Amino acid sequence: KPSEYRFYVGGKFVIFRVPEGHGDWEHVCASWESATGIAEFWLNG
């Protein structure tokens, strides 16, 4: 939905709640590291 991104790794996911877009380009980056199990999510820098 417009206020949420889901980031899956290996069938499991975490939710990142975001402000609804204003009809503009959205840039997303998602990174993950196995050793710590840390998921990072970046929206528009």
ModelCIF file with pLDDT and N, C-alpha, C, O atoms, coordinates in Angstrom:
data_MODEL
#
_entry.id   MODEL 
#
_entity.id                         1 
_entity.type                       polymer 
_entity.pdbx_number_of_molecules   1 
#
_entity_poly.entity_id                      1 
_entity_poly.type                           'polypeptide(L)' 
_entity_poly.nstd_linkage                   no 
_entity_poly.nstd_monomer                   no 
_entity_poly.pdbx_seq_one_letter_code       KPSEYRFYVGGKFVIFRVPEGHGDWEHVCASWESATGIAEFWLNG 
_entity_poly.pdbx_seq_one_letter_code_can   KPSEYRFYVGGKFVIFRVPEGHGDWEHVCASWESATGIAEFWLNG 
_entity_poly.pdbx_strand_id                 A 
#
loop_
_entity_poly_seq.entity_id 
_entity_poly_seq.num 
_entity_poly_seq.mon_id 
_entity_poly_seq.hetero 
1 1  LYS n 
1 2  PRO n 
1 3  SER n 
1 4  GLU n 
1 5  TYR n 
1 6  ARG n 
1 7  PHE n 
1 8  TYR n 
1 9  VAL n 
1 10 GLY n 
1 11 GLY n 
1 12 LYS n 
1 13 PHE n 
1 14 VAL n 
1 15 ILE n 
1 16 PHE n 
1 17 ARG n 
1 18 VAL n 
1 19 PRO n 
1 20 GLU n 
1 21 GLY n 
1 22 HIS n 
1 23 GLY n 
1 24 ASP n 
1 25 TRP n 
1 26 GLU n 
1 27 HIS n 
1 28 VAL n 
1 29 CYS n 
1 30 ALA n 
1 31 SER n 
1 32 TRP n 
1 33 GLU n 
1 34 SER n 
1 35 ALA n 
1 36 THR n 
1 37 GLY n 
1 38 ILE n 
1 39 ALA n 
1 40 GLU n 
1 41 PHE n 
1 42 TRP n 
1 43 LEU n 
1 44 ASN n 
1 45 GLY n 
#
_struct_asym.id          A 
_struct_asym.entity_id   1 
#
loop_
_ma_qa_metric.id 
_ma_qa_metric.mode 
_ma_qa_metric.name 
_ma_qa_metric.software_group_id 
_ma_qa_metric.type 
1 global pLDDT . pLDDT 
2 local  pLDDT . pLDDT 
#
_ma_qa_metric_global.metric_id      1 
_ma_qa_metric_global.metric_value   96.42 
_ma_qa_metric_global.model_id       1 
_ma_qa_metric_global.ordinal_id     1 
#
loop_
_ma_qa_metric_local.label_asym_id 
_ma_qa_metric_local.label_comp_id 
_ma_qa_metric_local.label_seq_id 
_ma_qa_metric_local.metric_id 
_ma_qa_metric_local.metric_value 
_ma_qa_metric_local.model_id 
_ma_qa_metric_local.ordinal_id 
A LYS 1  2 96.00 1 1  
A PRO 2  2 96.00 1 2  
A SER 3  2 97.00 1 3  
A GLU 4  2 98.00 1 4  
A TYR 5  2 98.00 1 5  
A ARG 6  2 98.00 1 6  
A PHE 7  2 98.00 1 7  
A TYR 8  2 98.00 1 8  
A VAL 9  2 98.00 1 9  
A GLY 10 2 98.00 1 10 
A GLY 11 2 98.00 1 11 
A LYS 12 2 98.00 1 12 
A PHE 13 2 98.00 1 13 
A VAL 14 2 98.00 1 14 
A ILE 15 2 98.00 1 15 
A PHE 16 2 98.00 1 16 
A ARG 17 2 98.00 1 17 
A VAL 18 2 97.00 1 18 
A PRO 19 2 95.00 1 19 
A GLU 20 2 92.00 1 20 
A GLY 21 2 82.00 1 21 
A HIS 22 2 81.00 1 22 
A GLY 23 2 85.00 1 23 
A ASP 24 2 93.00 1 24 
A TRP 25 2 96.00 1 25 
A GLU 26 2 97.00 1 26 
A HIS 27 2 98.00 1 27 
A VAL 28 2 98.00 1 28 
A CYS 29 2 98.00 1 29 
A ALA 30 2 98.00 1 30 
A SER 31 2 98.00 1 31 
A TRP 32 2 98.00 1 32 
A GLU 33 2 98.00 1 33 
A SER 34 2 98.00 1 34 
A ALA 35 2 98.00 1 35 
A THR 36 2 98.00 1 36 
A GLY 37 2 98.00 1 37 
A ILE 38 2 98.00 1 38 
A ALA 39 2 98.00 1 39 
A GLU 40 2 98.00 1 40 
A PHE 41 2 98.00 1 41 
A TRP 42 2 98.00 1 42 
A LEU 43 2 98.00 1 43 
A ASN 44 2 97.00 1 44 
A GLY 45 2 97.00 1 45 
#
loop_
_atom_site.group_PDB 
_atom_site.id 
_atom_site.type_symbol 
_atom_site.label_atom_id 
_atom_site.label_alt_id 
_atom_site.label_comp_id 
_atom_site.label_asym_id 
_atom_site.label_entity_id 
_atom_site.label_seq_id 
_atom_site.pdbx_PDB_ins_code 
_atom_site.Cartn_x 
_atom_site.Cartn_y 
_atom_site.Cartn_z 
_atom_site.occupancy 
_atom_site.B_iso_or_equiv 
_atom_site.pdbx_formal_charge 
_atom_site.auth_seq_id 
_atom_site.auth_comp_id 
_atom_site.auth_asym_id 
_atom_site.auth_atom_id 
_atom_site.pdbx_PDB_model_num 
ATOM 1   N N  . LYS A 1 1  ? 0.854  -1.190  0.000  1.00 96.00 ? 1  LYS A N  1 
ATOM 2   C CA . LYS A 1 1  ? 0.000  0.000   0.000  1.00 96.00 ? 1  LYS A CA 1 
ATOM 3   C C  . LYS A 1 1  ? 0.890  1.241   0.000  1.00 96.00 ? 1  LYS A C  1 
ATOM 4   O O  . LYS A 1 1  ? 2.088  1.137   0.263  1.00 96.00 ? 1  LYS A O  1 
ATOM 5   N N  . PRO A 1 2  ? 0.319  2.418   -0.292 1.00 96.00 ? 2  PRO A N  1 
ATOM 6   C CA . PRO A 1 2  ? 1.164  3.610   -0.454 1.00 96.00 ? 2  PRO A CA 1 
ATOM 7   C C  . PRO A 1 2  ? 2.002  3.967   0.774  1.00 96.00 ? 2  PRO A C  1 
ATOM 8   O O  . PRO A 1 2  ? 3.014  4.656   0.643  1.00 96.00 ? 2  PRO A O  1 
ATOM 9   N N  . SER A 1 3  ? 1.600  3.513   1.966  1.00 97.00 ? 3  SER A N  1 
ATOM 10  C CA . SER A 1 3  ? 2.322  3.908   3.185  1.00 97.00 ? 3  SER A CA 1 
ATOM 11  C C  . SER A 1 3  ? 3.255  2.817   3.711  1.00 97.00 ? 3  SER A C  1 
ATOM 12  O O  . SER A 1 3  ? 3.673  2.871   4.867  1.00 97.00 ? 3  SER A O  1 
ATOM 13  N N  . GLU A 1 4  ? 3.584  1.835   2.884  1.00 98.00 ? 4  GLU A N  1 
ATOM 14  C CA . GLU A 1 4  ? 4.352  0.697   3.407  1.00 98.00 ? 4  GLU A CA 1 
ATOM 15  C C  . GLU A 1 4  ? 5.195  0.023   2.328  1.00 98.00 ? 4  GLU A C  1 
ATOM 16  O O  . GLU A 1 4  ? 4.731  -0.196  1.209  1.00 98.00 ? 4  GLU A O  1 
ATOM 17  N N  . TYR A 1 5  ? 6.439  -0.302  2.679  1.00 98.00 ? 5  TYR A N  1 
ATOM 18  C CA . TYR A 1 5  ? 7.262  -1.195  1.868  1.00 98.00 ? 5  TYR A CA 1 
ATOM 19  C C  . TYR A 1 5  ? 7.515  -2.472  2.651  1.00 98.00 ? 5  TYR A C  1 
ATOM 20  O O  . TYR A 1 5  ? 7.703  -2.438  3.867  1.00 98.00 ? 5  TYR A O  1 
ATOM 21  N N  . ARG A 1 6  ? 7.519  -3.599  1.947  1.00 98.00 ? 6  ARG A N  1 
ATOM 22  C CA . ARG A 1 6  ? 7.929  -4.860  2.552  1.00 98.00 ? 6  ARG A CA 1 
ATOM 23  C C  . ARG A 1 6  ? 9.219  -5.313  1.894  1.00 98.00 ? 6  ARG A C  1 
ATOM 24  O O  . ARG A 1 6  ? 9.355  -5.296  0.671  1.00 98.00 ? 6  ARG A O  1 
ATOM 25  N N  . PHE A 1 7  ? 10.161 -5.718  2.729  1.00 98.00 ? 7  PHE A N  1 
ATOM 26  C CA . PHE A 1 7  ? 11.468 -6.185  2.270  1.00 98.00 ? 7  PHE A CA 1 
ATOM 27  C C  . PHE A 1 7  ? 11.622 -7.632  2.726  1.00 98.00 ? 7  PHE A C  1 
ATOM 28  O O  . PHE A 1 7  ? 11.704 -7.919  3.920  1.00 98.00 ? 7  PHE A O  1 
ATOM 29  N N  . TYR A 1 8  ? 11.660 -8.544  1.742  1.00 98.00 ? 8  TYR A N  1 
ATOM 30  C CA . TYR A 1 8  ? 11.761 -9.977  2.028  1.00 98.00 ? 8  TYR A CA 1 
ATOM 31  C C  . TYR A 1 8  ? 13.183 -10.473 1.815  1.00 98.00 ? 8  TYR A C  1 
ATOM 32  O O  . TYR A 1 8  ? 13.864 -10.062 0.876  1.00 98.00 ? 8  TYR A O  1 
ATOM 33  N N  . VAL A 1 9  ? 13.624 -11.369 2.707  1.00 98.00 ? 9  VAL A N  1 
ATOM 34  C CA . VAL A 1 9  ? 14.833 -12.159 2.493  1.00 98.00 ? 9  VAL A CA 1 
ATOM 35  C C  . VAL A 1 9  ? 14.493 -13.594 2.902  1.00 98.00 ? 9  VAL A C  1 
ATOM 36  O O  . VAL A 1 9  ? 14.085 -13.845 4.035  1.00 98.00 ? 9  VAL A O  1 
ATOM 37  N N  . GLY A 1 10 ? 14.667 -14.534 1.963  1.00 98.00 ? 10 GLY A N  1 
ATOM 38  C CA . GLY A 1 10 ? 14.413 -15.940 2.273  1.00 98.00 ? 10 GLY A CA 1 
ATOM 39  C C  . GLY A 1 10 ? 12.995 -16.216 2.741  1.00 98.00 ? 10 GLY A C  1 
ATOM 40  O O  . GLY A 1 10 ? 12.779 -17.064 3.607  1.00 98.00 ? 10 GLY A O  1 
ATOM 41  N N  . GLY A 1 11 ? 12.024 -15.504 2.171  1.00 98.00 ? 11 GLY A N  1 
ATOM 42  C CA . GLY A 1 11 ? 10.623 -15.771 2.472  1.00 98.00 ? 11 GLY A CA 1 
ATOM 43  C C  . GLY A 1 11 ? 10.061 -15.066 3.699  1.00 98.00 ? 11 GLY A C  1 
ATOM 44  O O  . GLY A 1 11 ? 8.846  -15.049 3.895  1.00 98.00 ? 11 GLY A O  1 
ATOM 45  N N  . LYS A 1 12 ? 10.937 -14.477 4.539  1.00 98.00 ? 12 LYS A N  1 
ATOM 46  C CA . LYS A 1 12 ? 10.467 -13.702 5.687  1.00 98.00 ? 12 LYS A CA 1 
ATOM 47  C C  . LYS A 1 12 ? 10.575 -12.217 5.341  1.00 98.00 ? 12 LYS A C  1 
ATOM 48  O O  . LYS A 1 12 ? 11.390 -11.831 4.503  1.00 98.00 ? 12 LYS A O  1 
ATOM 49  N N  . PHE A 1 13 ? 9.749  -11.379 5.989  1.00 98.00 ? 13 PHE A N  1 
ATOM 50  C CA . PHE A 1 13 ? 9.819  -9.962  5.632  1.00 98.00 ? 13 PHE A CA 1 
ATOM 51  C C  . PHE A 1 13 ? 9.752  -9.047  6.849  1.00 98.00 ? 13 PHE A C  1 
ATOM 52  O O  . PHE A 1 13 ? 9.280  -9.431  7.919  1.00 98.00 ? 13 PHE A O  1 
ATOM 53  N N  . VAL A 1 14 ? 10.237 -7.833  6.651  1.00 98.00 ? 14 VAL A N  1 
ATOM 54  C CA . VAL A 1 14 ? 10.056 -6.744  7.612  1.00 98.00 ? 14 VAL A CA 1 
ATOM 55  C C  . VAL A 1 14 ? 9.319  -5.624  6.889  1.00 98.00 ? 14 VAL A C  1 
ATOM 56  O O  . VAL A 1 14 ? 9.398  -5.485  5.669  1.00 98.00 ? 14 VAL A O  1 
ATOM 57  N N  . ILE A 1 15 ? 8.598  -4.828  7.682  1.00 98.00 ? 15 ILE A N  1 
ATOM 58  C CA . ILE A 1 15 ? 7.785  -3.740  7.131  1.00 98.00 ? 15 ILE A CA 1 
ATOM 59  C C  . ILE A 1 15 ? 8.436  -2.406  7.458  1.00 98.00 ? 15 ILE A C  1 
ATOM 60  O O  . ILE A 1 15 ? 8.857  -2.173  8.591  1.00 98.00 ? 15 ILE A O  1 
ATOM 61  N N  . PHE A 1 16 ? 8.518  -1.537  6.468  1.00 98.00 ? 16 PHE A N  1 
ATOM 62  C CA . PHE A 1 16 ? 8.970  -0.166  6.688  1.00 98.00 ? 16 PHE A CA 1 
ATOM 63  C C  . PHE A 1 16 ? 7.809  0.756   6.336  1.00 98.00 ? 16 PHE A C  1 
ATOM 64  O O  . PHE A 1 16 ? 7.348  0.794   5.195  1.00 98.00 ? 16 PHE A O  1 
ATOM 65  N N  . ARG A 1 17 ? 7.348  1.500   7.341  1.00 98.00 ? 17 ARG A N  1 
ATOM 66  C CA . ARG A 1 17 ? 6.226  2.422   7.115  1.00 98.00 ? 17 ARG A CA 1 
ATOM 67  C C  . ARG A 1 17 ? 6.768  3.752   6.628  1.00 98.00 ? 17 ARG A C  1 
ATOM 68  O O  . ARG A 1 17 ? 7.709  4.305   7.197  1.00 98.00 ? 17 ARG A O  1 
ATOM 69  N N  . VAL A 1 18 ? 6.165  4.249   5.575  1.00 97.00 ? 18 VAL A N  1 
ATOM 70  C CA . VAL A 1 18 ? 6.695  5.447   4.914  1.00 97.00 ? 18 VAL A CA 1 
ATOM 71  C C  . VAL A 1 18 ? 5.564  6.453   4.708  1.00 97.00 ? 18 VAL A C  1 
ATOM 72  O O  . VAL A 1 18 ? 4.394  6.072   4.681  1.00 97.00 ? 18 VAL A O  1 
ATOM 73  N N  . PRO A 1 19 ? 5.905  7.738   4.564  1.00 95.00 ? 19 PRO A N  1 
ATOM 74  C CA . PRO A 1 19 ? 4.861  8.702   4.225  1.00 95.00 ? 19 PRO A CA 1 
ATOM 75  C C  . PRO A 1 19 ? 4.350  8.409   2.817  1.00 95.00 ? 19 PRO A C  1 
ATOM 76  O O  . PRO A 1 19 ? 5.122  7.987   1.956  1.00 95.00 ? 19 PRO A O  1 
ATOM 77  N N  . GLU A 1 20 ? 3.081  8.626   2.578  1.00 92.00 ? 20 GLU A N  1 
ATOM 78  C CA . GLU A 1 20 ? 2.547  8.388   1.245  1.00 92.00 ? 20 GLU A CA 1 
ATOM 79  C C  . GLU A 1 20 ? 3.199  9.346   0.257  1.00 92.00 ? 20 GLU A C  1 
ATOM 80  O O  . GLU A 1 20 ? 3.370  10.532  0.542  1.00 92.00 ? 20 GLU A O  1 
ATOM 81  N N  . GLY A 1 21 ? 3.558  8.815   -0.906 1.00 82.00 ? 21 GLY A N  1 
ATOM 82  C CA . GLY A 1 21 ? 4.268  9.626   -1.900 1.00 82.00 ? 21 GLY A CA 1 
ATOM 83  C C  . GLY A 1 21 ? 3.424  10.785  -2.398 1.00 82.00 ? 21 GLY A C  1 
ATOM 84  O O  . GLY A 1 21 ? 2.197  10.748  -2.306 1.00 82.00 ? 21 GLY A O  1 
ATOM 85  N N  . HIS A 1 22 ? 4.065  11.798  -2.916 1.00 81.00 ? 22 HIS A N  1 
ATOM 86  C CA . HIS A 1 22 ? 3.358  12.967  -3.435 1.00 81.00 ? 22 HIS A CA 1 
ATOM 87  C C  . HIS A 1 22 ? 3.429  12.976  -4.948 1.00 81.00 ? 22 HIS A C  1 
ATOM 88  O O  . HIS A 1 22 ? 3.677  14.013  -5.563 1.00 81.00 ? 22 HIS A O  1 
ATOM 89  N N  . GLY A 1 23 ? 3.207  11.809  -5.545 1.00 85.00 ? 23 GLY A N  1 
ATOM 90  C CA . GLY A 1 23 ? 3.235  11.727  -7.005 1.00 85.00 ? 23 GLY A CA 1 
ATOM 91  C C  . GLY A 1 23 ? 4.589  12.097  -7.570 1.00 85.00 ? 23 GLY A C  1 
ATOM 92  O O  . GLY A 1 23 ? 4.684  12.815  -8.565 1.00 85.00 ? 23 GLY A O  1 
ATOM 93  N N  . ASP A 1 24 ? 5.646  11.599  -6.926 1.00 93.00 ? 24 ASP A N  1 
ATOM 94  C CA . ASP A 1 24 ? 6.995  11.893  -7.393 1.00 93.00 ? 24 ASP A CA 1 
ATOM 95  C C  . ASP A 1 24 ? 7.770  10.584  -7.491 1.00 93.00 ? 24 ASP A C  1 
ATOM 96  O O  . ASP A 1 24 ? 7.311  9.540   -7.028 1.00 93.00 ? 24 ASP A O  1 
ATOM 97  N N  . TRP A 1 25 ? 8.957  10.655  -8.103 1.00 96.00 ? 25 TRP A N  1 
ATOM 98  C CA . TRP A 1 25 ? 9.855  9.493   -8.109 1.00 96.00 ? 25 TRP A CA 1 
ATOM 99  C C  . TRP A 1 25 ? 10.204 9.124   -6.668 1.00 96.00 ? 25 TRP A C  1 
ATOM 100 O O  . TRP A 1 25 ? 10.409 10.000  -5.827 1.00 96.00 ? 25 TRP A O  1 
ATOM 101 N N  . GLU A 1 26 ? 10.269 7.822   -6.390 1.00 97.00 ? 26 GLU A N  1 
ATOM 102 C CA . GLU A 1 26 ? 10.746 7.334   -5.086 1.00 97.00 ? 26 GLU A CA 1 
ATOM 103 C C  . GLU A 1 26 ? 11.981 6.486   -5.325 1.00 97.00 ? 26 GLU A C  1 
ATOM 104 O O  . GLU A 1 26 ? 11.972 5.567   -6.144 1.00 97.00 ? 26 GLU A O  1 
ATOM 105 N N  . HIS A 1 27 ? 13.041 6.806   -4.599 1.00 98.00 ? 27 HIS A N  1 
ATOM 106 C CA . HIS A 1 27 ? 14.264 6.008   -4.688 1.00 98.00 ? 27 HIS A CA 1 
ATOM 107 C C  . HIS A 1 27 ? 14.377 5.174   -3.424 1.00 98.00 ? 27 HIS A C  1 
ATOM 108 O O  . HIS A 1 27 ? 14.363 5.711   -2.317 1.00 98.00 ? 27 HIS A O  1 
ATOM 109 N N  . VAL A 1 28 ? 14.491 3.849   -3.590 1.00 98.00 ? 28 VAL A N  1 
ATOM 110 C CA . VAL A 1 28 ? 14.658 2.980   -2.427 1.00 98.00 ? 28 VAL A CA 1 
ATOM 111 C C  . VAL A 1 28 ? 15.923 2.153   -2.555 1.00 98.00 ? 28 VAL A C  1 
ATOM 112 O O  . VAL A 1 28 ? 16.303 1.720   -3.643 1.00 98.00 ? 28 VAL A O  1 
ATOM 113 N N  . CYS A 1 29 ? 16.561 1.947   -1.418 1.00 98.00 ? 29 CYS A N  1 
ATOM 114 C CA . CYS A 1 29 ? 17.655 0.986   -1.307 1.00 98.00 ? 29 CYS A CA 1 
ATOM 115 C C  . CYS A 1 29 ? 17.360 0.105   -0.103 1.00 98.00 ? 29 CYS A C  1 
ATOM 116 O O  . CYS A 1 29 ? 16.948 0.591   0.951  1.00 98.00 ? 29 CYS A O  1 
ATOM 117 N N  . ALA A 1 30 ? 17.573 -1.193  -0.270 1.00 98.00 ? 30 ALA A N  1 
ATOM 118 C CA . ALA A 1 30 ? 17.415 -2.119  0.845  1.00 98.00 ? 30 ALA A CA 1 
ATOM 119 C C  . ALA A 1 30 ? 18.676 -2.963  0.908  1.00 98.00 ? 30 ALA A C  1 
ATOM 120 O O  . ALA A 1 30 ? 19.114 -3.515  -0.102 1.00 98.00 ? 30 ALA A O  1 
ATOM 121 N N  . SER A 1 31 ? 19.261 -3.062  2.106  1.00 98.00 ? 31 SER A N  1 
ATOM 122 C CA . SER A 1 31 ? 20.451 -3.906  2.228  1.00 98.00 ? 31 SER A CA 1 
ATOM 123 C C  . SER A 1 31 ? 20.277 -4.851  3.401  1.00 98.00 ? 31 SER A C  1 
ATOM 124 O O  . SER A 1 31 ? 19.502 -4.605  4.325  1.00 98.00 ? 31 SER A O  1 
ATOM 125 N N  . TRP A 1 32 ? 21.029 -5.947  3.328  1.00 98.00 ? 32 TRP A N  1 
ATOM 126 C CA . TRP A 1 32 ? 20.889 -6.999  4.344  1.00 98.00 ? 32 TRP A CA 1 
ATOM 127 C C  . TRP A 1 32 ? 22.235 -7.654  4.564  1.00 98.00 ? 32 TRP A C  1 
ATOM 128 O O  . TRP A 1 32 ? 23.038 -7.817  3.645  1.00 98.00 ? 32 TRP A O  1 
ATOM 129 N N  . GLU A 1 33 ? 22.458 -8.031  5.838  1.00 98.00 ? 33 GLU A N  1 
ATOM 130 C CA . GLU A 1 33 ? 23.722 -8.667  6.187  1.00 98.00 ? 33 GLU A CA 1 
ATOM 131 C C  . GLU A 1 33 ? 23.410 -9.903  7.025  1.00 98.00 ? 33 GLU A C  1 
ATOM 132 O O  . GLU A 1 33 ? 22.738 -9.822  8.053  1.00 98.00 ? 33 GLU A O  1 
ATOM 133 N N  . SER A 1 34 ? 23.907 -11.037 6.567  1.00 98.00 ? 34 SER A N  1 
ATOM 134 C CA . SER A 1 34 ? 23.602 -12.318 7.208  1.00 98.00 ? 34 SER A CA 1 
ATOM 135 C C  . SER A 1 34 ? 24.152 -12.401 8.639  1.00 98.00 ? 34 SER A C  1 
ATOM 136 O O  . SER A 1 34 ? 23.473 -12.880 9.547  1.00 98.00 ? 34 SER A O  1 
ATOM 137 N N  . ALA A 1 35 ? 25.390 -11.928 8.825  1.00 98.00 ? 35 ALA A N  1 
ATOM 138 C CA . ALA A 1 35 ? 26.064 -12.104 10.125 1.00 98.00 ? 35 ALA A CA 1 
ATOM 139 C C  . ALA A 1 35 ? 25.265 -11.504 11.287 1.00 98.00 ? 35 ALA A C  1 
ATOM 140 O O  . ALA A 1 35 ? 25.202 -12.083 12.372 1.00 98.00 ? 35 ALA A O  1 
ATOM 141 N N  . THR A 1 36 ? 24.655 -10.337 11.049 1.00 98.00 ? 36 THR A N  1 
ATOM 142 C CA . THR A 1 36 ? 23.903 -9.672  12.123 1.00 98.00 ? 36 THR A CA 1 
ATOM 143 C C  . THR A 1 36 ? 22.397 -9.792  11.907 1.00 98.00 ? 36 THR A C  1 
ATOM 144 O O  . THR A 1 36 ? 21.615 -9.548  12.826 1.00 98.00 ? 36 THR A O  1 
ATOM 145 N N  . GLY A 1 37 ? 21.983 -10.172 10.680 1.00 98.00 ? 37 GLY A N  1 
ATOM 146 C CA . GLY A 1 37 ? 20.567 -10.189 10.363 1.00 98.00 ? 37 GLY A CA 1 
ATOM 147 C C  . GLY A 1 37 ? 19.965 -8.795  10.359 1.00 98.00 ? 37 GLY A C  1 
ATOM 148 O O  . GLY A 1 37 ? 18.783 -8.611  10.649 1.00 98.00 ? 37 GLY A O  1 
ATOM 149 N N  . ILE A 1 38 ? 20.805 -7.804  10.021 1.00 98.00 ? 38 ILE A N  1 
ATOM 150 C CA . ILE A 1 38 ? 20.310 -6.422  10.001 1.00 98.00 ? 38 ILE A CA 1 
ATOM 151 C C  . ILE A 1 38 ? 19.818 -6.069  8.593  1.00 98.00 ? 38 ILE A C  1 
ATOM 152 O O  . ILE A 1 38 ? 20.526 -6.243  7.601  1.00 98.00 ? 38 ILE A O  1 
ATOM 153 N N  . ALA A 1 39 ? 18.579 -5.567  8.546  1.00 98.00 ? 39 ALA A N  1 
ATOM 154 C CA . ALA A 1 39 ? 18.003 -5.080  7.287  1.00 98.00 ? 39 ALA A CA 1 
ATOM 155 C C  . ALA A 1 39 ? 17.964 -3.560  7.355  1.00 98.00 ? 39 ALA A C  1 
ATOM 156 O O  . ALA A 1 39 ? 17.458 -2.975  8.312  1.00 98.00 ? 39 ALA A O  1 
ATOM 157 N N  . GLU A 1 40 ? 18.508 -2.939  6.319  1.00 98.00 ? 40 GLU A N  1 
ATOM 158 C CA . GLU A 1 40 ? 18.520 -1.474  6.232  1.00 98.00 ? 40 GLU A CA 1 
ATOM 159 C C  . GLU A 1 40 ? 17.595 -1.059  5.100  1.00 98.00 ? 40 GLU A C  1 
ATOM 160 O O  . GLU A 1 40 ? 17.506 -1.733  4.074  1.00 98.00 ? 40 GLU A O  1 
ATOM 161 N N  . PHE A 1 41 ? 16.911 0.057   5.300  1.00 98.00 ? 41 PHE A N  1 
ATOM 162 C CA . PHE A 1 41 ? 16.012 0.561   4.262  1.00 98.00 ? 41 PHE A CA 1 
ATOM 163 C C  . PHE A 1 41 ? 16.214 2.068   4.146  1.00 98.00 ? 41 PHE A C  1 
ATOM 164 O O  . PHE A 1 41 ? 16.153 2.797   5.136  1.00 98.00 ? 41 PHE A O  1 
ATOM 165 N N  . TRP A 1 42 ? 16.456 2.517   2.921  1.00 98.00 ? 42 TRP A N  1 
ATOM 166 C CA . TRP A 1 42 ? 16.659 3.942   2.640  1.00 98.00 ? 42 TRP A CA 1 
ATOM 167 C C  . TRP A 1 42 ? 15.617 4.390   1.637  1.00 98.00 ? 42 TRP A C  1 
ATOM 168 O O  . TRP A 1 42 ? 15.402 3.734   0.618  1.00 98.00 ? 42 TRP A O  1 
ATOM 169 N N  . LEU A 1 43 ? 14.972 5.504   1.924  1.00 98.00 ? 43 LEU A N  1 
ATOM 170 C CA . LEU A 1 43 ? 13.991 6.072   1.007  1.00 98.00 ? 43 LEU A CA 1 
ATOM 171 C C  . LEU A 1 43 ? 14.424 7.502   0.677  1.00 98.00 ? 43 LEU A C  1 
ATOM 172 O O  . LEU A 1 43 ? 14.578 8.335   1.570  1.00 98.00 ? 43 LEU A O  1 
ATOM 173 N N  . ASN A 1 44 ? 14.616 7.772   -0.607 1.00 97.00 ? 44 ASN A N  1 
ATOM 174 C CA . ASN A 1 44 ? 15.035 9.106   -1.067 1.00 97.00 ? 44 ASN A CA 1 
ATOM 175 C C  . ASN A 1 44 ? 16.238 9.632   -0.289 1.00 97.00 ? 44 ASN A C  1 
ATOM 176 O O  . ASN A 1 44 ? 16.276 10.785  0.140  1.00 97.00 ? 44 ASN A O  1 
ATOM 177 N N  . GLY A 1 45 ? 17.225 8.741   -0.124 1.00 97.00 ? 45 GLY A N  1 
ATOM 178 C CA . GLY A 1 45 ? 18.496 9.137   0.491  1.00 97.00 ? 45 GLY A CA 1 
ATOM 179 C C  . GLY A 1 45 ? 18.494 9.214   2.001  1.00 97.00 ? 45 GLY A C  1 
ATOM 180 O O  . GLY A 1 45 ? 19.518 9.539   2.604  1.00 97.00 ? 45 GLY A O  1 
#
